[in-house]
Amino acid sequence: MKIRKVTLEDARRICEIYNYYIENTAVTFETTPVPETEMKGRINEIIDSGFPYYVGEIEGKVAGYYYIHKWNGRCAYSSTKEVTIYLDKDYIGKGLGSTLYEHLFQNLDKENTHVLIAGICIPNEGSVKLHEKFGFKQASLMKEIGWKFDQWRDVGHWLLNLNN
């Protein structure tokens, strides 16, 4: 697998991956598919903020991606970042998520990052296992905070303190 920085040309493929989760799962609380033009804006926002955004390619096709972004806009949270990772549904369980996380940790600005946060809609056994494999620990569970597919959804936050 090749991991490289995202480009705006990746927006269409990222939409294909992400929109599957919007339309078929409760993994994301978005309910309307994201158009390519909007995804380009989101990509630019992450890049322009100085945060990393990478894609993983298998045989020349984007199979997954990750990015890091602000967890909260308040100044005191500046060294706390949120990580977002999505995989093409056909590549789940094949090690791609682990490979992307290994890349993330090799390239993370550890000087300016104290805690990484991953928000996970529960249940999501695969995501929980992936994050716990890399040392994330569950720090919260917010019950029934999202409504999707005619059901209340819970969200947990997994934290990784990089200085422990």
Protein backbone atom coordinates (compact mmCIF):
# COMPACT_ATOMS: atom_id res chain seq x y z
CA MET A 1 0.00 0.00 0.00
CA LYS A 2 1.12 3.52 -0.77
CA ILE A 3 0.29 6.32 1.68
CA ARG A 4 0.49 9.88 0.42
CA LYS A 5 -0.80 13.35 1.14
CA VAL A 6 -4.33 13.99 -0.02
CA THR A 7 -4.96 16.08 -3.13
CA LEU A 8 -8.16 17.74 -4.27
CA GLU A 9 -8.34 15.12 -7.02
CA ASP A 10 -9.02 12.58 -4.24
CA ALA A 11 -12.26 14.31 -3.24
CA ARG A 12 -14.47 12.19 -5.49
CA ARG A 13 -13.09 8.92 -4.13
CA ILE A 14 -13.22 10.18 -0.54
CA CYS A 15 -16.88 11.04 -1.14
CA GLU A 16 -17.53 7.51 -2.38
CA ILE A 17 -15.99 6.06 0.78
CA TYR A 18 -17.57 8.52 3.21
CA ASN A 19 -21.01 8.68 1.59
CA TYR A 20 -21.35 4.91 1.93
CA TYR A 21 -21.14 5.39 5.71
CA ILE A 22 -23.60 8.29 5.63
CA GLU A 23 -26.20 6.34 3.68
CA ASN A 24 -25.75 2.87 5.20
CA THR A 25 -24.43 3.17 8.75
CA ALA A 26 -24.65 5.22 11.91
CA VAL A 27 -20.85 5.60 12.01
CA THR A 28 -21.26 9.25 11.06
CA PHE A 29 -24.16 11.41 12.14
CA GLU A 30 -24.33 13.15 8.80
CA THR A 31 -27.50 12.16 6.98
CA THR A 32 -27.05 13.70 3.52
CA PRO A 33 -24.32 12.58 1.10
CA VAL A 34 -21.50 15.08 0.74
CA PRO A 35 -21.00 16.42 -2.80
CA GLU A 36 -17.51 16.51 -4.28
CA THR A 37 -17.32 20.32 -4.22
CA GLU A 38 -18.07 20.39 -0.50
CA MET A 39 -15.53 17.65 0.17
CA LYS A 40 -12.89 19.70 -1.63
CA GLY A 41 -13.69 22.57 0.74
CA ARG A 42 -13.36 20.28 3.75
CA ILE A 43 -10.03 18.96 2.51
CA ASN A 44 -8.76 22.50 1.96
CA GLU A 45 -9.89 23.53 5.44
CA ILE A 46 -7.87 20.74 7.07
CA ILE A 47 -4.80 21.39 4.92
CA ASP A 48 -5.01 25.18 5.33
CA SER A 49 -5.16 24.69 9.10
CA GLY A 50 -1.82 22.90 8.94
CA PHE A 51 -3.14 19.48 9.89
CA PRO A 52 -2.18 16.21 8.19
CA TYR A 53 -4.53 14.53 5.72
CA TYR A 54 -3.41 11.31 4.05
CA VAL A 55 -4.87 8.66 1.78
CA GLY A 56 -3.91 5.01 1.47
CA GLU A 57 -3.86 3.58 -2.05
CA ILE A 58 -4.05 -0.05 -3.02
CA GLU A 59 -3.31 -0.79 -6.68
CA GLY A 60 -3.68 2.92 -7.48
CA LYS A 61 -7.10 3.26 -5.83
CA VAL A 62 -7.76 5.21 -2.63
CA ALA A 63 -8.89 2.59 -0.13
CA GLY A 64 -8.91 4.70 3.02
CA TYR A 65 -7.91 8.00 4.54
CA TYR A 66 -7.21 9.77 7.79
CA TYR A 67 -6.84 13.31 8.97
CA ILE A 68 -6.29 15.19 12.19
CA HIS A 69 -8.15 18.32 13.17
CA LYS A 70 -8.90 20.58 16.10
CA TRP A 71 -10.98 18.94 18.76
CA ASN A 72 -12.24 22.23 20.15
CA GLY A 73 -11.63 25.81 19.12
CA ARG A 74 -10.80 27.11 22.60
CA CYS A 75 -7.12 27.97 23.04
CA ALA A 76 -6.53 25.73 26.06
CA TYR A 77 -7.42 22.70 23.91
CA SER A 78 -4.77 23.49 21.28
CA SER A 79 -2.69 20.38 22.01
CA THR A 80 -5.74 18.08 21.93
CA LYS A 81 -6.53 16.83 18.42
CA GLU A 82 -9.21 14.60 16.96
CA VAL A 83 -8.38 11.87 14.49
CA THR A 84 -10.79 10.76 11.78
CA ILE A 85 -10.24 7.58 9.78
CA TYR A 86 -12.42 5.94 7.13
CA LEU A 87 -11.85 2.82 5.07
CA ASP A 88 -13.52 1.63 1.91
CA LYS A 89 -16.00 -1.00 3.10
CA ASP A 90 -14.28 -3.62 0.92
CA TYR A 91 -10.98 -3.16 2.80
CA ILE A 92 -12.25 -3.44 6.37
CA GLY A 93 -10.49 -6.14 8.38
CA LYS A 94 -7.51 -6.35 6.01
CA GLY A 95 -5.00 -4.33 8.03
CA LEU A 96 -5.48 -1.03 6.22
CA GLY A 97 -6.65 0.80 9.34
CA SER A 98 -3.58 -0.37 11.25
CA THR A 99 -1.27 0.65 8.42
CA LEU A 100 -2.83 4.12 8.31
CA TYR A 101 -2.49 4.47 12.08
CA GLU A 102 1.16 3.40 11.97
CA HIS A 103 1.73 6.12 9.37
CA LEU A 104 -0.14 8.65 11.50
CA PHE A 105 2.09 7.99 14.52
CA GLN A 106 5.25 8.20 12.42
CA ASN A 107 4.21 11.61 11.08
CA LEU A 108 2.35 13.12 14.03
CA ASP A 109 3.54 16.45 15.40
CA LYS A 110 4.15 15.07 18.88
CA GLU A 111 5.62 18.38 20.07
CA ASN A 112 2.23 20.05 19.67
CA THR A 113 -0.07 17.12 20.38
CA HIS A 114 -0.67 15.90 23.92
CA VAL A 115 -3.93 13.95 23.47
CA LEU A 116 -5.61 12.35 20.46
CA ILE A 117 -9.37 11.81 20.57
CA ALA A 118 -11.45 9.43 18.47
CA GLY A 119 -15.24 9.71 18.58
CA ILE A 120 -16.94 6.39 17.88
CA CYS A 121 -20.65 5.73 17.43
CA ILE A 122 -21.46 2.67 19.51
CA PRO A 123 -21.71 -0.17 18.67
CA ASN A 124 -18.72 -0.30 16.31
CA GLU A 125 -16.58 -3.23 17.38
CA GLY A 126 -14.08 -2.87 14.53
CA SER A 127 -13.31 0.77 15.26
CA VAL A 128 -13.08 0.16 19.00
CA LYS A 129 -10.63 -2.72 18.44
CA LEU A 130 -8.52 -0.64 16.06
CA HIS A 131 -8.23 2.27 18.46
CA GLU A 132 -7.57 0.10 21.50
CA LYS A 133 -4.87 -1.77 19.56
CA PHE A 134 -2.99 1.54 19.40
CA GLY A 135 -3.48 2.36 23.06
CA PHE A 136 -6.62 4.49 23.01
CA LYS A 137 -8.75 4.11 26.14
CA GLN A 138 -12.45 4.82 26.44
CA ALA A 139 -12.97 8.06 28.35
CA SER A 140 -16.66 8.76 27.86
CA LEU A 141 -19.96 7.35 26.70
CA MET A 142 -22.69 9.79 25.80
CA LYS A 143 -26.02 8.01 25.65
CA GLU A 144 -28.64 8.74 23.00
CA ILE A 145 -27.08 11.92 21.65
CA GLY A 146 -27.78 11.28 17.96
CA TRP A 147 -30.87 10.15 16.06
CA LYS A 148 -30.23 8.20 12.89
CA PHE A 149 -32.17 5.47 11.11
CA ASP A 150 -35.08 5.84 13.54
CA GLN A 151 -32.96 5.04 16.56
CA TRP A 152 -31.11 6.91 19.30
CA ARG A 153 -27.35 6.48 19.02
CA ASP A 154 -24.58 6.55 21.62
CA VAL A 155 -21.12 8.01 21.10
CA GLY A 156 -17.98 7.12 22.99
CA HIS A 157 -14.72 9.01 23.08
CA TRP A 158 -11.44 7.12 23.07
CA LEU A 159 -8.37 9.07 24.18
CA LEU A 160 -4.68 8.49 23.73
CA ASN A 161 -2.32 10.49 25.93
CA LEU A 162 0.91 10.70 23.94
CA ASN A 163 3.01 11.62 26.97
CA ASN A 164 2.22 8.49 29.00
